[in-house]
Amino acid sequence: MKNAPNGIGIMDQPPEPSPDEQARRSLIRIKNKIMVMSGKGGVGKSSVSVNLAIALAGKGFKVGLMDVDIHGPDIPRMLGLKGMLTANASKRLDPMRYSDNLTAVSIESLMSNKDDAIIWRGPVKHGVIRQFIGEVEWGDLDYLIIDSPPGTGDEPLTVAQLIKDARAVIVTTPQEIALADVRKSINFCKTVNMGILGLVENMSGYTCPHCGKSVDIFGSGGGERTAAVAGMKLLGRIPFDPDIVKCGDAGISYQQQHADAPASRIFGDIASRIADATQR
């Protein structure tokens, strides 16, 4: 017990919780943690993360989107989020708000110059991801969607270590070279004991807007075959749509701008399948 200036004894202040304890306290308020991952770059993983988060939020779920792609953060730009993260009265970071049901955090929202290169090794990245979990005011969430960089390196491994009940959604394209890398992602999940909710096949065919003919520009059926061999669910096939790219670059919602497009419907279907699998 310490003495106050007026001589009245007051109890010592309790020690600050450790970073691991802060992370634990945050995670118990989040029902479902889903890491969106891919075996290789260029398959549209961040686009799937953003549109999955928007689709789940549109169904009334409280959703957080955590961008752990430390070296190539894209989430704020794809959501049209401006400015910097700020601390609240509790000295915790408030995530950036996209809508009433969707908030997001990214390393880019802590950078004054968005074009600066981040040159960090594994231990520093581990610490930042732990801060994103424990020092952000996520509140009560139905889903935390975690957008990880391609491959099976530091960031997905850190997520697996810190969030023991995280499950994976693996993104691929139909071409065989992408599917070979997906199989590595599947083996990663098995090695770290992470459950897999299913596989999303992105850029799955293109329908010509002029003649209506469908063209499989990246092949066809590979995602379904890989899912079947691995004993996984194929959550959906998202067709290639240039408007998805345009909306992502402009920071506007594809699903709002093109609500009647086939890809918007499929994003909604994937969100429903994930909700069915996780809300039991």
C-alpha atoms as a PDB file:
ATOM      1  CA  MET A   1       0.000   0.000   0.000  1.00  0.00           C
ATOM      2  CA  LYS A   2       1.228   3.468  -0.902  1.00  0.00           C
ATOM      3  CA  ASN A   3       0.492   6.744   0.873  1.00  0.00           C
ATOM      4  CA  ALA A   4      -1.431   9.376  -1.046  1.00  0.00           C
ATOM      5  CA  PRO A   5      -0.361  13.038  -0.716  1.00  0.00           C
ATOM      6  CA  ASN A   6      -3.066  13.606   1.939  1.00  0.00           C
ATOM      7  CA  GLY A   7      -1.792  10.692   3.966  1.00  0.00           C
ATOM      8  CA  ILE A   8      -4.600   8.284   3.051  1.00  0.00           C
ATOM      9  CA  GLY A   9      -3.332   4.881   2.042  1.00  0.00           C
ATOM     10  CA  ILE A  10      -4.294   3.606  -1.423  1.00  0.00           C
ATOM     11  CA  MET A  11      -3.775   0.207  -2.935  1.00  0.00           C
ATOM     12  CA  ASP A  12      -0.949  -0.298  -5.401  1.00  0.00           C
ATOM     13  CA  GLN A  13      -2.079  -0.162  -8.989  1.00  0.00           C
ATOM     14  CA  PRO A  14      -2.294  -3.634 -10.542  1.00  0.00           C
ATOM     15  CA  PRO A  15       0.480  -4.406 -13.028  1.00  0.00           C
ATOM     16  CA  GLU A  16      -0.200  -4.011 -16.723  1.00  0.00           C
ATOM     17  CA  PRO A  17      -1.186  -7.327 -18.324  1.00  0.00           C
ATOM     18  CA  SER A  18       1.475  -8.966 -20.462  1.00  0.00           C
ATOM     19  CA  PRO A  19       1.163  -8.790 -24.261  1.00  0.00           C
ATOM     20  CA  ASP A  20       0.116 -12.447 -24.326  1.00  0.00           C
ATOM     21  CA  GLU A  21      -2.565 -11.798 -21.696  1.00  0.00           C
ATOM     22  CA  GLN A  22      -3.834  -8.786 -23.638  1.00  0.00           C
ATOM     23  CA  ALA A  23      -4.109 -10.949 -26.737  1.00  0.00           C
ATOM     24  CA  ARG A  24      -5.955 -13.642 -24.782  1.00  0.00           C
ATOM     25  CA  ARG A  25      -8.475 -11.134 -23.425  1.00  0.00           C
ATOM     26  CA  SER A  26      -9.163  -9.830 -26.921  1.00  0.00           C
ATOM     27  CA  LEU A  27      -9.533 -13.261 -28.464  1.00  0.00           C
ATOM     28  CA  ILE A  28     -12.106 -14.548 -25.970  1.00  0.00           C
ATOM     29  CA  ARG A  29     -14.465 -11.818 -27.239  1.00  0.00           C
ATOM     30  CA  ILE A  30     -14.137 -12.998 -30.856  1.00  0.00           C
ATOM     31  CA  LYS A  31     -16.250 -16.013 -31.765  1.00  0.00           C
ATOM     32  CA  ASN A  32     -14.612 -17.087 -35.036  1.00  0.00           C
ATOM     33  CA  LYS A  33     -11.123 -16.398 -36.360  1.00  0.00           C
ATOM     34  CA  ILE A  34     -10.538 -17.120 -40.040  1.00  0.00           C
ATOM     35  CA  MET A  35      -7.181 -16.797 -41.794  1.00  0.00           C
ATOM     36  CA  VAL A  36      -7.431 -16.304 -45.549  1.00  0.00           C
ATOM     37  CA  MET A  37      -4.264 -17.698 -47.059  1.00  0.00           C
ATOM     38  CA  SER A  38      -2.789 -18.776 -50.379  1.00  0.00           C
ATOM     39  CA  GLY A  39       0.181 -20.798 -51.490  1.00  0.00           C
ATOM     40  CA  LYS A  40       1.335 -18.166 -53.979  1.00  0.00           C
ATOM     41  CA  GLY A  41       0.815 -14.523 -54.802  1.00  0.00           C
ATOM     42  CA  GLY A  42      -1.438 -13.142 -57.502  1.00  0.00           C
ATOM     43  CA  VAL A  43      -4.469 -15.318 -56.807  1.00  0.00           C
ATOM     44  CA  GLY A  44      -6.642 -12.498 -55.437  1.00  0.00           C
ATOM     45  CA  LYS A  45      -6.382 -13.455 -51.769  1.00  0.00           C
ATOM     46  CA  SER A  46      -6.793  -9.901 -50.434  1.00  0.00           C
ATOM     47  CA  SER A  47      -9.739  -9.334 -52.756  1.00  0.00           C
ATOM     48  CA  VAL A  48     -11.375 -12.475 -51.369  1.00  0.00           C
ATOM     49  CA  SER A  49     -10.632 -11.344 -47.785  1.00  0.00           C
ATOM     50  CA  VAL A  50     -12.209  -7.924 -48.366  1.00  0.00           C
ATOM     51  CA  ASN A  51     -15.283  -9.232 -50.158  1.00  0.00           C
ATOM     52  CA  LEU A  52     -15.796 -12.057 -47.671  1.00  0.00           C
ATOM     53  CA  ALA A  53     -15.653  -9.545 -44.794  1.00  0.00           C
ATOM     54  CA  ILE A  54     -18.109  -7.226 -46.569  1.00  0.00           C
ATOM     55  CA  ALA A  55     -20.458 -10.123 -47.337  1.00  0.00           C
ATOM     56  CA  LEU A  56     -20.457 -11.353 -43.729  1.00  0.00           C
ATOM     57  CA  ALA A  57     -20.985  -7.808 -42.428  1.00  0.00           C
ATOM     58  CA  GLY A  58     -23.851  -7.424 -44.894  1.00  0.00           C
ATOM     59  CA  LYS A  59     -25.537 -10.446 -43.297  1.00  0.00           C
ATOM     60  CA  GLY A  60     -25.564  -8.664 -39.948  1.00  0.00           C
ATOM     61  CA  PHE A  61     -22.447 -10.171 -38.387  1.00  0.00           C
ATOM     62  CA  LYS A  62     -19.913  -8.036 -36.505  1.00  0.00           C
ATOM     63  CA  VAL A  63     -16.680  -8.429 -38.456  1.00  0.00           C
ATOM     64  CA  GLY A  64     -13.081  -7.340 -37.982  1.00  0.00           C
ATOM     65  CA  LEU A  65     -10.543  -7.480 -40.817  1.00  0.00           C
ATOM     66  CA  MET A  66      -6.912  -7.769 -39.729  1.00  0.00           C
ATOM     67  CA  ASP A  67      -4.270  -7.234 -42.403  1.00  0.00           C
ATOM     68  CA  VAL A  68      -1.124  -9.146 -41.434  1.00  0.00           C
ATOM     69  CA  ASP A  69       0.483  -8.834 -44.861  1.00  0.00           C
ATOM     70  CA  ILE A  70       3.195  -6.678 -43.309  1.00  0.00           C
ATOM     71  CA  HIS A  71       5.262  -6.106 -46.442  1.00  0.00           C
ATOM     72  CA  GLY A  72       2.367  -5.594 -48.859  1.00  0.00           C
ATOM     73  CA  PRO A  73      -0.623  -4.194 -46.963  1.00  0.00           C
ATOM     74  CA  ASP A  74      -3.557  -3.529 -49.299  1.00  0.00           C
ATOM     75  CA  ILE A  75      -6.660  -3.660 -47.115  1.00  0.00           C
ATOM     76  CA  PRO A  76      -7.053   0.074 -46.282  1.00  0.00           C
ATOM     77  CA  ARG A  77      -6.809   1.092 -49.935  1.00  0.00           C
ATOM     78  CA  MET A  78      -9.222  -1.627 -51.051  1.00  0.00           C
ATOM     79  CA  LEU A  79     -11.753  -0.476 -48.442  1.00  0.00           C
ATOM     80  CA  GLY A  80     -11.158   3.217 -49.169  1.00  0.00           C
ATOM     81  CA  LEU A  81      -9.999   3.866 -45.581  1.00  0.00           C
ATOM     82  CA  LYS A  82      -7.985   7.037 -45.057  1.00  0.00           C
ATOM     83  CA  GLY A  83      -5.990   8.448 -42.168  1.00  0.00           C
ATOM     84  CA  MET A  84      -4.135   6.856 -39.275  1.00  0.00           C
ATOM     85  CA  LEU A  85      -5.071   4.594 -36.400  1.00  0.00           C
ATOM     86  CA  THR A  86      -5.602   6.506 -33.151  1.00  0.00           C
ATOM     87  CA  ALA A  87      -5.567   5.528 -29.481  1.00  0.00           C
ATOM     88  CA  ASN A  88      -8.655   5.799 -27.307  1.00  0.00           C
ATOM     89  CA  ALA A  89      -9.003   6.788 -23.642  1.00  0.00           C
ATOM     90  CA  SER A  90      -7.976   3.262 -22.626  1.00  0.00           C
ATOM     91  CA  LYS A  91      -4.724   3.671 -24.603  1.00  0.00           C
ATOM     92  CA  ARG A  92      -5.816   1.013 -27.076  1.00  0.00           C
ATOM     93  CA  LEU A  93      -5.965   1.437 -30.835  1.00  0.00           C
ATOM     94  CA  ASP A  94      -9.374   1.954 -32.374  1.00  0.00           C
ATOM     95  CA  PRO A  95      -9.706  -0.015 -35.623  1.00  0.00           C
ATOM     96  CA  MET A  96     -10.719   1.965 -38.680  1.00  0.00           C
ATOM     97  CA  ARG A  97     -14.459   1.822 -39.336  1.00  0.00           C
ATOM     98  CA  TYR A  98     -15.738   0.827 -42.771  1.00  0.00           C
ATOM     99  CA  SER A  99     -19.361   0.372 -41.715  1.00  0.00           C
ATOM    100  CA  ASP A 100     -21.413  -0.273 -38.599  1.00  0.00           C
ATOM    101  CA  ASN A 101     -20.540  -3.971 -38.829  1.00  0.00           C
ATOM    102  CA  LEU A 102     -17.009  -3.895 -40.275  1.00  0.00           C
ATOM    103  CA  THR A 103     -13.745  -2.511 -38.871  1.00  0.00           C
ATOM    104  CA  ALA A 104     -10.170  -3.057 -40.036  1.00  0.00           C
ATOM    105  CA  VAL A 105      -6.547  -2.763 -38.935  1.00  0.00           C
ATOM    106  CA  SER A 106      -3.422  -2.702 -41.095  1.00  0.00           C
ATOM    107  CA  ILE A 107       0.202  -1.673 -40.691  1.00  0.00           C
ATOM    108  CA  GLU A 108      -0.395   0.837 -43.498  1.00  0.00           C
ATOM    109  CA  SER A 109      -2.724   2.748 -41.177  1.00  0.00           C
ATOM    110  CA  LEU A 110       0.249   3.374 -38.872  1.00  0.00           C
ATOM    111  CA  MET A 111       2.529   4.712 -41.616  1.00  0.00           C
ATOM    112  CA  SER A 112       2.747   8.421 -42.399  1.00  0.00           C
ATOM    113  CA  ASN A 113       4.265   7.616 -45.801  1.00  0.00           C
ATOM    114  CA  LYS A 114       2.250   4.790 -47.330  1.00  0.00           C
ATOM    115  CA  ASP A 115       5.009   4.032 -49.855  1.00  0.00           C
ATOM    116  CA  ASP A 116       7.732   3.336 -47.293  1.00  0.00           C
ATOM    117  CA  ALA A 117       9.209  -0.158 -47.461  1.00  0.00           C
ATOM    118  CA  ILE A 118       8.868  -2.240 -44.290  1.00  0.00           C
ATOM    119  CA  ILE A 119      12.081  -4.183 -43.761  1.00  0.00           C
ATOM    120  CA  TRP A 120      11.495  -6.387 -40.717  1.00  0.00           C
ATOM    121  CA  ARG A 121      12.562  -9.830 -39.651  1.00  0.00           C
ATOM    122  CA  GLY A 122      10.355 -12.486 -38.088  1.00  0.00           C
ATOM    123  CA  PRO A 123      10.481 -11.502 -34.384  1.00  0.00           C
ATOM    124  CA  VAL A 124       9.410  -7.927 -35.116  1.00  0.00           C
ATOM    125  CA  LYS A 125       6.531  -9.107 -37.309  1.00  0.00           C
ATOM    126  CA  HIS A 126       5.475 -11.516 -34.570  1.00  0.00           C
ATOM    127  CA  GLY A 127       5.339  -8.631 -32.084  1.00  0.00           C
ATOM    128  CA  VAL A 128       3.298  -6.419 -34.404  1.00  0.00           C
ATOM    129  CA  ILE A 129       0.732  -9.139 -35.096  1.00  0.00           C
ATOM    130  CA  ARG A 130       0.429  -9.780 -31.362  1.00  0.00           C
ATOM    131  CA  GLN A 131      -0.184  -6.037 -30.882  1.00  0.00           C
ATOM    132  CA  PHE A 132      -2.847  -6.098 -33.603  1.00  0.00           C
ATOM    133  CA  ILE A 133      -4.622  -8.786 -31.614  1.00  0.00           C
ATOM    134  CA  GLY A 134      -4.171  -7.550 -28.062  1.00  0.00           C
ATOM    135  CA  GLU A 135      -3.809  -3.773 -28.289  1.00  0.00           C
ATOM    136  CA  VAL A 136      -6.668  -3.071 -30.693  1.00  0.00           C
ATOM    137  CA  GLU A 137     -10.174  -2.375 -29.384  1.00  0.00           C
ATOM    138  CA  TRP A 138     -11.887  -5.064 -31.450  1.00  0.00           C
ATOM    139  CA  GLY A 139     -14.724  -5.513 -28.985  1.00  0.00           C
ATOM    140  CA  ASP A 140     -17.205  -8.346 -29.450  1.00  0.00           C
ATOM    141  CA  LEU A 141     -16.944  -9.852 -32.937  1.00  0.00           C
ATOM    142  CA  ASP A 142     -18.645 -12.698 -34.724  1.00  0.00           C
ATOM    143  CA  TYR A 143     -15.719 -12.981 -37.145  1.00  0.00           C
ATOM    144  CA  LEU A 144     -12.122 -11.824 -37.337  1.00  0.00           C
ATOM    145  CA  ILE A 145     -10.945 -12.236 -40.944  1.00  0.00           C
ATOM    146  CA  ILE A 146      -7.144 -12.347 -41.137  1.00  0.00           C
ATOM    147  CA  ASP A 147      -5.593 -11.493 -44.490  1.00  0.00           C
ATOM    148  CA  SER A 148      -2.169 -13.139 -44.542  1.00  0.00           C
ATOM    149  CA  PRO A 149       0.600 -12.845 -47.145  1.00  0.00           C
ATOM    150  CA  PRO A 150       1.167 -15.638 -49.667  1.00  0.00           C
ATOM    151  CA  GLY A 151       3.131 -18.675 -48.608  1.00  0.00           C
ATOM    152  CA  THR A 152       3.730 -20.364 -45.283  1.00  0.00           C
ATOM    153  CA  GLY A 153       6.227 -18.017 -43.625  1.00  0.00           C
ATOM    154  CA  ASP A 154       6.410 -15.851 -40.522  1.00  0.00           C
ATOM    155  CA  GLU A 155       2.976 -14.228 -40.647  1.00  0.00           C
ATOM    156  CA  PRO A 156       0.720 -17.302 -41.015  1.00  0.00           C
ATOM    157  CA  LEU A 157       2.931 -19.179 -38.552  1.00  0.00           C
ATOM    158  CA  THR A 158       2.540 -16.343 -36.021  1.00  0.00           C
ATOM    159  CA  VAL A 159      -1.233 -16.404 -36.471  1.00  0.00           C
ATOM    160  CA  ALA A 160      -1.250 -20.166 -35.900  1.00  0.00           C
ATOM    161  CA  GLN A 161       0.827 -19.773 -32.736  1.00  0.00           C
ATOM    162  CA  LEU A 162      -1.146 -16.875 -31.249  1.00  0.00           C
ATOM    163  CA  ILE A 163      -4.683 -17.857 -32.312  1.00  0.00           C
ATOM    164  CA  LYS A 164      -4.989 -21.536 -31.505  1.00  0.00           C
ATOM    165  CA  ASP A 165      -8.590 -21.829 -32.705  1.00  0.00           C
ATOM    166  CA  ALA A 166      -8.095 -20.034 -36.028  1.00  0.00           C
ATOM    167  CA  ARG A 167      -9.339 -21.817 -39.125  1.00  0.00           C
ATOM    168  CA  ALA A 168      -8.225 -21.353 -42.705  1.00  0.00           C
ATOM    169  CA  VAL A 169      -9.850 -20.459 -45.991  1.00  0.00           C
ATOM    170  CA  ILE A 170      -7.427 -21.230 -48.816  1.00  0.00           C
ATOM    171  CA  VAL A 171      -7.584 -19.269 -52.074  1.00  0.00           C
ATOM    172  CA  THR A 172      -6.382 -20.559 -55.426  1.00  0.00           C
ATOM    173  CA  THR A 173      -6.898 -20.158 -59.140  1.00  0.00           C
ATOM    174  CA  PRO A 174      -7.720 -23.130 -61.389  1.00  0.00           C
ATOM    175  CA  GLN A 175      -4.254 -23.361 -62.970  1.00  0.00           C
ATOM    176  CA  GLU A 176      -2.129 -26.310 -61.923  1.00  0.00           C
ATOM    177  CA  ILE A 177       0.895 -24.269 -60.769  1.00  0.00           C
ATOM    178  CA  ALA A 178      -1.334 -22.457 -58.250  1.00  0.00           C
ATOM    179  CA  LEU A 179      -2.875 -25.716 -57.097  1.00  0.00           C
ATOM    180  CA  ALA A 180       0.569 -27.185 -56.424  1.00  0.00           C
ATOM    181  CA  ASP A 181       1.208 -24.313 -54.010  1.00  0.00           C
ATOM    182  CA  VAL A 182      -2.234 -24.754 -52.444  1.00  0.00           C
ATOM    183  CA  ARG A 183      -1.289 -28.270 -51.489  1.00  0.00           C
ATOM    184  CA  LYS A 184       1.607 -26.763 -49.511  1.00  0.00           C
ATOM    185  CA  SER A 185      -0.871 -24.519 -47.685  1.00  0.00           C
ATOM    186  CA  ILE A 186      -2.984 -27.567 -46.862  1.00  0.00           C
ATOM    187  CA  ASN A 187       0.074 -29.354 -45.464  1.00  0.00           C
ATOM    188  CA  PHE A 188       0.965 -26.222 -43.460  1.00  0.00           C
ATOM    189  CA  CYS A 189      -2.461 -26.306 -41.812  1.00  0.00           C
ATOM    190  CA  LYS A 190      -2.083 -29.976 -41.008  1.00  0.00           C
ATOM    191  CA  THR A 191       1.371 -29.377 -39.493  1.00  0.00           C
ATOM    192  CA  VAL A 192       0.175 -26.568 -37.180  1.00  0.00           C
ATOM    193  CA  ASN A 193      -3.164 -28.298 -36.417  1.00  0.00           C
ATOM    194  CA  MET A 194      -5.257 -25.568 -38.019  1.00  0.00           C
ATOM    195  CA  GLY A 195      -8.680 -26.557 -39.265  1.00  0.00           C
ATOM    196  CA  ILE A 196      -9.587 -25.739 -42.868  1.00  0.00           C
ATOM    197  CA  LEU A 197     -13.061 -24.408 -43.633  1.00  0.00           C
ATOM    198  CA  GLY A 198     -12.578 -24.911 -47.339  1.00  0.00           C
ATOM    199  CA  LEU A 199     -11.121 -23.804 -50.625  1.00  0.00           C
ATOM    200  CA  VAL A 200     -12.109 -20.823 -52.778  1.00  0.00           C
ATOM    201  CA  GLU A 201     -11.326 -20.983 -56.488  1.00  0.00           C
ATOM    202  CA  ASN A 202     -10.818 -17.415 -57.702  1.00  0.00           C
ATOM    203  CA  MET A 203     -10.703 -16.175 -61.322  1.00  0.00           C
ATOM    204  CA  SER A 204     -12.730 -19.228 -62.282  1.00  0.00           C
ATOM    205  CA  GLY A 205     -13.703 -18.494 -65.853  1.00  0.00           C
ATOM    206  CA  TYR A 206     -14.568 -15.265 -67.669  1.00  0.00           C
ATOM    207  CA  THR A 207     -17.800 -14.455 -69.445  1.00  0.00           C
ATOM    208  CA  CYS A 208     -17.409 -12.123 -72.410  1.00  0.00           C
ATOM    209  CA  PRO A 209     -19.733  -9.116 -71.920  1.00  0.00           C
ATOM    210  CA  HIS A 210     -20.243  -8.836 -75.703  1.00  0.00           C
ATOM    211  CA  CYS A 211     -20.958 -12.373 -76.883  1.00  0.00           C
ATOM    212  CA  GLY A 212     -21.770 -14.066 -73.558  1.00  0.00           C
ATOM    213  CA  LYS A 213     -19.319 -16.878 -74.197  1.00  0.00           C
ATOM    214  CA  SER A 214     -17.536 -18.296 -71.148  1.00  0.00           C
ATOM    215  CA  VAL A 215     -13.764 -18.805 -71.386  1.00  0.00           C
ATOM    216  CA  ASP A 216     -11.659 -20.707 -68.848  1.00  0.00           C
ATOM    217  CA  ILE A 217      -8.629 -18.420 -69.062  1.00  0.00           C
ATOM    218  CA  PHE A 218      -6.869 -20.114 -66.123  1.00  0.00           C
ATOM    219  CA  GLY A 219      -8.083 -23.652 -66.764  1.00  0.00           C
ATOM    220  CA  SER A 220     -11.035 -25.321 -65.062  1.00  0.00           C
ATOM    221  CA  GLY A 221     -11.918 -27.831 -62.389  1.00  0.00           C
ATOM    222  CA  GLY A 222      -8.595 -27.729 -60.571  1.00  0.00           C
ATOM    223  CA  GLY A 223     -10.005 -26.347 -57.354  1.00  0.00           C
ATOM    224  CA  GLU A 224     -12.728 -28.964 -57.193  1.00  0.00           C
ATOM    225  CA  ARG A 225     -10.260 -31.785 -57.824  1.00  0.00           C
ATOM    226  CA  THR A 226      -7.840 -30.499 -55.193  1.00  0.00           C
ATOM    227  CA  ALA A 227     -10.612 -30.092 -52.632  1.00  0.00           C
ATOM    228  CA  ALA A 228     -11.899 -33.597 -53.328  1.00  0.00           C
ATOM    229  CA  VAL A 229      -8.462 -35.203 -53.008  1.00  0.00           C
ATOM    230  CA  ALA A 230      -7.772 -33.309 -49.751  1.00  0.00           C
ATOM    231  CA  GLY A 231     -11.204 -34.057 -48.332  1.00  0.00           C
ATOM    232  CA  MET A 232     -12.062 -30.343 -48.143  1.00  0.00           C
ATOM    233  CA  LYS A 233     -15.119 -28.340 -49.080  1.00  0.00           C
ATOM    234  CA  LEU A 234     -15.054 -26.222 -52.217  1.00  0.00           C
ATOM    235  CA  LEU A 235     -16.695 -23.076 -50.828  1.00  0.00           C
ATOM    236  CA  GLY A 236     -17.222 -21.507 -54.224  1.00  0.00           C
ATOM    237  CA  ARG A 237     -15.866 -20.506 -57.622  1.00  0.00           C
ATOM    238  CA  ILE A 238     -15.547 -16.764 -58.169  1.00  0.00           C
ATOM    239  CA  PRO A 239     -15.546 -15.790 -61.849  1.00  0.00           C
ATOM    240  CA  PHE A 240     -12.966 -13.386 -63.202  1.00  0.00           C
ATOM    241  CA  ASP A 241     -14.532  -9.919 -63.327  1.00  0.00           C
ATOM    242  CA  PRO A 242     -12.458  -6.819 -64.205  1.00  0.00           C
ATOM    243  CA  ASP A 243     -14.857  -4.748 -62.085  1.00  0.00           C
ATOM    244  CA  ILE A 244     -13.566  -6.478 -58.944  1.00  0.00           C
ATOM    245  CA  VAL A 245     -10.111  -5.109 -59.753  1.00  0.00           C
ATOM    246  CA  LYS A 246     -11.454  -1.652 -60.591  1.00  0.00           C
ATOM    247  CA  CYS A 247     -13.443  -1.422 -57.367  1.00  0.00           C
ATOM    248  CA  GLY A 248     -10.501  -2.615 -55.295  1.00  0.00           C
ATOM    249  CA  ASP A 249      -8.229  -0.004 -56.863  1.00  0.00           C
ATOM    250  CA  ALA A 250     -10.833   2.708 -56.284  1.00  0.00           C
ATOM    251  CA  GLY A 251     -11.545   1.666 -52.691  1.00  0.00           C
ATOM    252  CA  ILE A 252     -15.263   1.099 -53.256  1.00  0.00           C
ATOM    253  CA  SER A 253     -17.423  -1.934 -52.571  1.00  0.00           C
ATOM    254  CA  TYR A 254     -17.775  -4.236 -55.565  1.00  0.00           C
ATOM    255  CA  GLN A 255     -20.815  -5.863 -53.982  1.00  0.00           C
ATOM    256  CA  GLN A 256     -22.590  -2.513 -53.638  1.00  0.00           C
ATOM    257  CA  GLN A 257     -21.643  -1.232 -57.073  1.00  0.00           C
ATOM    258  CA  HIS A 258     -22.423  -4.534 -58.836  1.00  0.00           C
ATOM    259  CA  ALA A 259     -24.986  -6.177 -56.585  1.00  0.00           C
ATOM    260  CA  ASP A 260     -26.494  -8.208 -59.436  1.00  0.00           C
ATOM    261  CA  ALA A 261     -23.191  -9.527 -60.789  1.00  0.00           C
ATOM    262  CA  PRO A 262     -22.538 -13.288 -60.541  1.00  0.00           C
ATOM    263  CA  ALA A 263     -19.431 -12.752 -58.401  1.00  0.00           C
ATOM    264  CA  SER A 264     -21.421 -10.719 -55.841  1.00  0.00           C
ATOM    265  CA  ARG A 265     -23.910 -13.542 -55.514  1.00  0.00           C
ATOM    266  CA  ILE A 266     -21.121 -16.076 -55.105  1.00  0.00           C
ATOM    267  CA  PHE A 267     -19.370 -14.004 -52.413  1.00  0.00           C
ATOM    268  CA  GLY A 268     -22.698 -14.009 -50.575  1.00  0.00           C
ATOM    269  CA  ASP A 269     -23.015 -17.775 -51.029  1.00  0.00           C
ATOM    270  CA  ILE A 270     -19.493 -18.344 -49.676  1.00  0.00           C
ATOM    271  CA  ALA A 271     -20.249 -16.155 -46.658  1.00  0.00           C
ATOM    272  CA  SER A 272     -23.436 -18.154 -46.031  1.00  0.00           C
ATOM    273  CA  ARG A 273     -21.557 -21.464 -46.215  1.00  0.00           C
ATOM    274  CA  ILE A 274     -18.955 -20.199 -43.765  1.00  0.00           C
ATOM    275  CA  ALA A 275     -21.686 -18.923 -41.437  1.00  0.00           C
ATOM    276  CA  ASP A 276     -23.458 -22.295 -41.614  1.00  0.00           C
ATOM    277  CA  ALA A 277     -20.206 -24.090 -40.767  1.00  0.00           C
ATOM    278  CA  THR A 278     -19.261 -21.811 -37.868  1.00  0.00           C
ATOM    279  CA  GLN A 279     -22.535 -20.767 -36.231  1.00  0.00           C
ATOM    280  CA  ARG A 280     -23.597 -24.242 -35.109  1.00  0.00           C
END
